[in-house]
Protein backbone atom coordinates (compact mmCIF):
# COMPACT_ATOMS: atom_id res chain seq x y z
CA MET A 1 -35.43 18.01 28.84
CA GLU A 2 -35.23 15.80 25.74
CA GLN A 3 -35.81 17.58 22.46
CA SER A 4 -37.81 15.78 19.81
CA TYR A 5 -36.19 14.56 16.63
CA ASP A 6 -38.14 17.09 14.53
CA CYS A 7 -37.08 19.97 16.76
CA ARG A 8 -33.39 19.01 16.55
CA TRP A 9 -33.66 18.48 12.79
CA ARG A 10 -35.24 21.90 12.35
CA TYR A 11 -32.59 23.59 14.52
CA TYR A 12 -29.63 22.06 12.65
CA ASN A 13 -31.30 22.54 9.28
CA HIS A 14 -31.76 26.25 9.93
CA SER A 15 -28.17 26.53 11.17
CA THR A 16 -26.89 25.23 7.82
CA MET A 17 -28.70 28.01 5.97
CA ASN A 18 -26.53 30.74 7.49
CA TYR A 19 -24.05 32.58 5.31
CA ASP A 20 -21.13 30.83 7.00
CA PRO A 21 -22.53 27.77 8.81
CA HIS A 22 -20.51 26.03 11.50
CA ASP A 23 -19.05 22.63 10.60
CA SER A 24 -20.92 20.90 13.41
CA GLY A 25 -24.29 21.91 11.96
CA LEU A 26 -23.33 20.67 8.51
CA LEU A 27 -22.08 17.39 9.94
CA LYS A 28 -25.16 16.90 12.11
CA MET A 29 -27.52 17.52 9.19
CA GLY A 30 -25.40 15.20 7.06
CA ASP A 31 -25.82 12.54 9.75
CA PHE A 32 -29.59 13.13 9.84
CA TYR A 33 -29.82 12.69 6.08
CA PHE A 34 -27.43 9.74 5.96
CA SER A 35 -29.46 7.83 8.55
CA SER A 36 -32.73 8.71 6.80
CA SER A 37 -34.57 6.36 4.47
CA VAL A 38 -35.91 9.20 2.32
CA PRO A 39 -34.98 8.89 -1.39
CA GLY A 40 -32.13 11.25 -2.27
CA ALA A 41 -31.13 11.71 1.37
CA VAL A 42 -27.64 10.29 0.81
CA ASP A 43 -27.05 12.89 -1.90
CA GLN A 44 -28.01 15.59 0.60
CA ALA A 45 -25.65 14.07 3.17
CA LEU A 46 -22.87 14.00 0.56
CA SER A 47 -23.47 17.67 -0.19
CA LEU A 48 -23.39 18.66 3.49
CA TYR A 49 -20.26 16.61 4.21
CA THR A 50 -18.62 18.23 1.17
CA ARG A 51 -19.41 21.71 2.49
CA ALA A 52 -17.99 20.77 5.89
CA ALA A 53 -14.84 19.33 4.28
CA LEU A 54 -14.29 22.46 2.20
CA ALA A 55 -14.70 24.52 5.37
CA GLY A 56 -11.77 22.62 6.88
CA SER A 57 -13.55 19.91 8.85
CA SER A 58 -11.57 16.69 9.16
CA GLN A 59 -14.79 14.92 10.21
CA GLY A 60 -16.40 16.05 6.95
CA ILE A 61 -13.55 14.49 4.98
CA TYR A 62 -13.78 11.31 7.05
CA GLN A 63 -17.51 11.06 6.30
CA LEU A 64 -16.74 11.44 2.58
CA VAL A 65 -14.30 8.53 2.89
CA ILE A 66 -17.00 6.40 4.50
CA LEU A 67 -19.44 7.24 1.70
CA ALA A 68 -16.78 6.57 -0.96
CA GLU A 69 -16.07 3.16 0.54
CA LYS A 70 -19.81 2.42 0.46
CA GLY A 71 -19.82 3.09 -3.28
CA TYR A 72 -20.93 6.71 -3.47
CA GLY A 73 -18.89 9.03 -5.64
CA VAL A 74 -16.65 11.77 -4.35
CA PRO A 75 -17.87 15.17 -5.61
CA TRP A 76 -15.80 16.75 -8.38
CA ILE A 77 -15.10 19.84 -6.25
CA ILE A 78 -13.35 17.65 -3.66
CA ARG A 79 -11.49 15.75 -6.39
CA ASP A 80 -10.34 19.06 -7.85
CA TRP A 81 -9.37 20.40 -4.41
CA LEU A 82 -7.15 17.36 -3.75
CA ASN A 83 -5.95 16.84 -7.34
CA ILE A 84 -7.67 13.46 -7.64
CA SER A 85 -8.28 12.28 -11.18
CA VAL A 86 -11.61 10.86 -12.27
CA HIS A 87 -9.65 7.79 -13.35
CA ASP A 88 -8.08 7.18 -9.93
CA GLY A 89 -9.29 4.09 -8.13
CA LEU A 90 -10.99 3.94 -4.77
CA ASP A 91 -7.74 3.18 -2.94
CA ILE A 92 -6.07 6.33 -4.27
CA VAL A 93 -9.15 8.47 -3.60
CA THR A 94 -9.51 7.27 -0.01
CA GLU A 95 -5.78 7.58 0.65
CA ARG A 96 -5.67 11.18 -0.60
CA LEU A 97 -8.78 12.11 1.37
CA LEU A 98 -7.38 10.55 4.53
CA GLU A 99 -3.99 12.22 4.05
CA ARG A 100 -5.75 15.59 3.89
CA CYS A 101 -7.84 14.65 6.91
CA VAL A 102 -4.71 13.84 8.92
CA GLU A 103 -3.14 17.15 7.84
CA LEU A 104 -6.16 19.04 9.16
CA ASN A 105 -5.79 17.44 12.59
CA ASP A 106 -3.05 19.56 14.09
CA ASP A 107 -2.70 17.38 17.16
CA LYS A 108 -0.57 14.29 16.80
CA ASP A 109 -3.03 12.04 18.62
CA LEU A 110 -4.51 8.96 17.07
CA THR A 111 -7.59 10.02 15.18
CA PRO A 112 -10.08 8.06 13.10
CA CYS A 113 -8.41 9.55 10.03
CA ALA A 114 -4.93 8.41 11.08
CA LEU A 115 -6.14 4.91 11.90
CA SER A 116 -8.05 4.65 8.64
CA LEU A 117 -5.03 5.87 6.70
CA LEU A 118 -2.94 3.20 8.41
CA ARG A 119 -5.57 0.59 7.45
CA VAL A 120 -5.53 1.74 3.80
CA ARG A 121 -1.74 1.71 3.61
CA ILE A 122 -1.44 -1.70 5.25
CA GLY A 123 -4.06 -2.98 2.80
CA LYS A 124 -2.10 -1.60 -0.15
CA ALA A 125 1.14 -3.11 1.16
CA TRP A 126 -0.55 -6.44 1.78
CA SER A 127 -2.02 -6.51 -1.73
CA LYS A 128 1.43 -5.81 -3.19
CA ILE A 129 2.89 -8.65 -1.15
CA THR A 130 0.16 -11.10 -2.09
CA GLN A 131 0.08 -10.33 -5.82
CA ASN A 132 2.01 -13.48 -6.53
CA THR A 133 1.66 -16.67 -4.49
CA ILE A 134 5.33 -17.54 -4.99
CA GLN A 135 6.34 -14.05 -3.85
CA LEU A 136 4.02 -14.41 -0.86
CA SER A 137 5.46 -17.77 0.20
CA LEU A 138 9.02 -16.45 -0.15
CA SER A 139 8.28 -13.35 1.91
CA VAL A 140 6.49 -15.36 4.61
CA SER A 141 9.32 -17.88 4.84
CA LYS A 142 11.89 -15.07 4.98
CA TRP A 143 9.84 -13.29 7.66
CA THR A 144 9.43 -16.43 9.78
CA SER A 145 13.12 -17.30 9.47
CA HIS A 146 13.97 -13.77 10.59
CA LEU A 147 11.67 -14.20 13.59
CA ASP A 148 13.31 -17.51 14.45
CA LYS A 149 16.75 -15.86 14.50
CA GLU A 150 15.45 -13.10 16.80
CA ASP A 151 13.89 -15.68 19.11
CA ILE A 152 17.21 -17.56 19.34
CA LEU A 153 19.08 -14.33 20.08
CA LEU A 154 16.56 -13.30 22.73
CA ALA A 155 16.58 -16.74 24.33
CA GLY A 156 20.37 -16.64 24.67
CA GLN A 157 20.33 -13.40 26.67
């Protein structure tokens, strides 16, 4: 039996009003608000994802990263919790959030947080490499010459 949208919304909304709501209810309501076109809904989603993150939900932190990358601010309580300065750029904010998200995932499997952290770190490394076109051309030529030597060694075996 398929429940209507309003019925599900009401159920999850009431579940978030408990004294100690479960993370899944907070995340679900955050998703409802985030996908809504109602004015101020994203702020509600941000608040619910923040509550889930503070409760120890890695998915809540991941959702905050998504919102931060879309241009929404990270709440001061999260910045304070992770020692992120107001002056830190988006790359530092997302990296710190994702590091905390990976720490919360006890299992060593690949998670969205781990993959996103890898993406952020590769992006930072790539931007350091490509800061200077001369430096970039030197590193590319060194890398390709290194590959050529490996290919010659492998071909001789």
